[in-house]
Amino acid sequence: MANIRDLKKDINFVLGDIIEAVYQWESATNNMDSNEGSAIIDRSIQVFDELMGKVHQKDVSDKKGHFKSIRSELEEKATALIEDLDKLA
């Protein structure tokens, strides 16, 4: 179960860091509540909800493979969000 707990923490920390980076970008550019930043934050929250829903899914036959796919999906989607954030700078 520690592995599931670590996965949940990773999802929370990675997406939380992306949201924090958006807030820092908005503060540094004096562009508070920007549409671009809000879009990235909204997508981060959506990704969080999707991944946590998959973590809590009960009807999984291959749990190890299921959690491995969630980790790779987190990496893929977080990378896309970071690339979008980099385009703002």
C-alpha atoms as a PDB file:
ATOM      1  CA  MET A   1       0.000   0.000   0.000  1.00  0.00           C
ATOM      2  CA  ALA A   2       2.942   2.343   0.460  1.00  0.00           C
ATOM      3  CA  ASN A   3       3.377   2.359  -3.301  1.00  0.00           C
ATOM      4  CA  ILE A   4      -0.177   3.653  -3.778  1.00  0.00           C
ATOM      5  CA  ARG A   5       0.418   6.311  -1.134  1.00  0.00           C
ATOM      6  CA  ASP A   6       3.608   7.387  -2.903  1.00  0.00           C
ATOM      7  CA  LEU A   7       1.781   7.555  -6.234  1.00  0.00           C
ATOM      8  CA  LYS A   8      -0.906   9.776  -4.718  1.00  0.00           C
ATOM      9  CA  LYS A   9       1.783  12.048  -3.237  1.00  0.00           C
ATOM     10  CA  ASP A  10       3.603  12.220  -6.567  1.00  0.00           C
ATOM     11  CA  ILE A  11       0.417  13.214  -8.387  1.00  0.00           C
ATOM     12  CA  ASN A  12      -0.319  15.862  -5.778  1.00  0.00           C
ATOM     13  CA  PHE A  13       3.208  17.284  -5.658  1.00  0.00           C
ATOM     14  CA  VAL A  14       3.852  17.340  -9.410  1.00  0.00           C
ATOM     15  CA  LEU A  15       0.586  19.007 -10.332  1.00  0.00           C
ATOM     16  CA  GLY A  16       0.769  21.298  -7.307  1.00  0.00           C
ATOM     17  CA  ASP A  17       4.227  22.433  -8.395  1.00  0.00           C
ATOM     18  CA  ILE A  18       2.908  23.212 -11.878  1.00  0.00           C
ATOM     19  CA  ILE A  19       0.082  25.304 -10.416  1.00  0.00           C
ATOM     20  CA  GLU A  20       2.575  27.092  -8.148  1.00  0.00           C
ATOM     21  CA  ALA A  21       4.794  27.812 -11.158  1.00  0.00           C
ATOM     22  CA  VAL A  22       1.841  29.423 -12.934  1.00  0.00           C
ATOM     23  CA  TYR A  23       1.217  31.655  -9.916  1.00  0.00           C
ATOM     24  CA  GLN A  24       4.897  32.604  -9.834  1.00  0.00           C
ATOM     25  CA  TRP A  25       4.844  33.418 -13.555  1.00  0.00           C
ATOM     26  CA  GLU A  26       1.748  35.579 -13.096  1.00  0.00           C
ATOM     27  CA  SER A  27       3.353  37.386 -10.168  1.00  0.00           C
ATOM     28  CA  ALA A  28       6.662  37.917 -11.958  1.00  0.00           C
ATOM     29  CA  THR A  29       5.018  39.272 -15.100  1.00  0.00           C
ATOM     30  CA  ASN A  30       2.431  41.343 -13.242  1.00  0.00           C
ATOM     31  CA  ASN A  31      -0.214  39.418 -15.163  1.00  0.00           C
ATOM     32  CA  MET A  32      -2.529  38.237 -12.373  1.00  0.00           C
ATOM     33  CA  ASP A  33      -5.509  36.063 -13.316  1.00  0.00           C
ATOM     34  CA  SER A  34      -4.329  35.665 -16.897  1.00  0.00           C
ATOM     35  CA  ASN A  35      -6.432  33.536 -19.215  1.00  0.00           C
ATOM     36  CA  GLU A  36      -3.391  31.487 -20.227  1.00  0.00           C
ATOM     37  CA  GLY A  37      -2.414  30.792 -16.626  1.00  0.00           C
ATOM     38  CA  SER A  38      -5.975  29.960 -15.648  1.00  0.00           C
ATOM     39  CA  ALA A  39      -6.205  27.488 -18.533  1.00  0.00           C
ATOM     40  CA  ILE A  40      -3.073  25.666 -17.363  1.00  0.00           C
ATOM     41  CA  ILE A  41      -4.350  25.588 -13.780  1.00  0.00           C
ATOM     42  CA  ASP A  42      -7.731  24.252 -14.906  1.00  0.00           C
ATOM     43  CA  ARG A  43      -6.066  21.525 -16.974  1.00  0.00           C
ATOM     44  CA  SER A  44      -3.808  20.631 -14.023  1.00  0.00           C
ATOM     45  CA  ILE A  45      -6.843  20.195 -11.787  1.00  0.00           C
ATOM     46  CA  GLN A  46      -8.571  18.132 -14.461  1.00  0.00           C
ATOM     47  CA  VAL A  47      -5.513  15.871 -14.796  1.00  0.00           C
ATOM     48  CA  PHE A  48      -5.380  15.528 -11.002  1.00  0.00           C
ATOM     49  CA  ASP A  49      -9.020  14.448 -10.863  1.00  0.00           C
ATOM     50  CA  GLU A  50      -8.577  11.966 -13.722  1.00  0.00           C
ATOM     51  CA  LEU A  51      -5.469  10.362 -12.260  1.00  0.00           C
ATOM     52  CA  MET A  52      -6.840  10.144  -8.729  1.00  0.00           C
ATOM     53  CA  GLY A  53      -9.976   8.536 -10.139  1.00  0.00           C
ATOM     54  CA  LYS A  54      -7.790   5.923 -11.807  1.00  0.00           C
ATOM     55  CA  VAL A  55      -5.831   5.355  -8.587  1.00  0.00           C
ATOM     56  CA  HIS A  56      -9.073   4.657  -6.702  1.00  0.00           C
ATOM     57  CA  GLN A  57     -10.449   2.369  -9.400  1.00  0.00           C
ATOM     58  CA  LYS A  58     -11.403  -0.955  -7.781  1.00  0.00           C
ATOM     59  CA  ASP A  59     -12.002  -3.327 -10.719  1.00  0.00           C
ATOM     60  CA  VAL A  60      -8.393  -3.719 -11.838  1.00  0.00           C
ATOM     61  CA  SER A  61      -7.001  -7.167 -12.621  1.00  0.00           C
ATOM     62  CA  ASP A  62      -3.314  -6.218 -13.047  1.00  0.00           C
ATOM     63  CA  LYS A  63      -2.700  -3.675 -10.281  1.00  0.00           C
ATOM     64  CA  LYS A  64       1.034  -3.346 -10.883  1.00  0.00           C
ATOM     65  CA  GLY A  65       0.542  -2.597 -14.578  1.00  0.00           C
ATOM     66  CA  HIS A  66      -2.361  -0.277 -13.802  1.00  0.00           C
ATOM     67  CA  PHE A  67      -0.324   1.863 -11.414  1.00  0.00           C
ATOM     68  CA  LYS A  68       2.647   1.839 -13.770  1.00  0.00           C
ATOM     69  CA  SER A  69       0.424   3.207 -16.536  1.00  0.00           C
ATOM     70  CA  ILE A  70      -0.840   5.923 -14.181  1.00  0.00           C
ATOM     71  CA  ARG A  71       2.750   6.963 -13.421  1.00  0.00           C
ATOM     72  CA  SER A  72       3.610   7.170 -17.110  1.00  0.00           C
ATOM     73  CA  GLU A  73       0.405   9.113 -17.814  1.00  0.00           C
ATOM     74  CA  LEU A  74       1.318  11.549 -15.013  1.00  0.00           C
ATOM     75  CA  GLU A  75       4.749  12.061 -16.549  1.00  0.00           C
ATOM     76  CA  GLU A  76       3.320  12.562 -20.038  1.00  0.00           C
ATOM     77  CA  LYS A  77       0.597  15.011 -19.015  1.00  0.00           C
ATOM     78  CA  ALA A  78       2.849  16.938 -16.604  1.00  0.00           C
ATOM     79  CA  THR A  79       5.437  17.340 -19.357  1.00  0.00           C
ATOM     80  CA  ALA A  80       2.763  18.744 -21.685  1.00  0.00           C
ATOM     81  CA  LEU A  81       1.614  21.205 -18.999  1.00  0.00           C
ATOM     82  CA  ILE A  82       5.185  22.328 -18.348  1.00  0.00           C
ATOM     83  CA  GLU A  83       5.758  22.858 -22.061  1.00  0.00           C
ATOM     84  CA  ASP A  84       2.632  25.048 -22.165  1.00  0.00           C
ATOM     85  CA  LEU A  85       3.936  26.989 -19.173  1.00  0.00           C
ATOM     86  CA  ASP A  86       7.322  27.448 -20.847  1.00  0.00           C
ATOM     87  CA  LYS A  87       5.582  28.949 -23.883  1.00  0.00           C
ATOM     88  CA  LEU A  88       4.224  31.706 -21.649  1.00  0.00           C
ATOM     89  CA  ALA A  89       7.678  32.832 -20.525  1.00  0.00           C
END
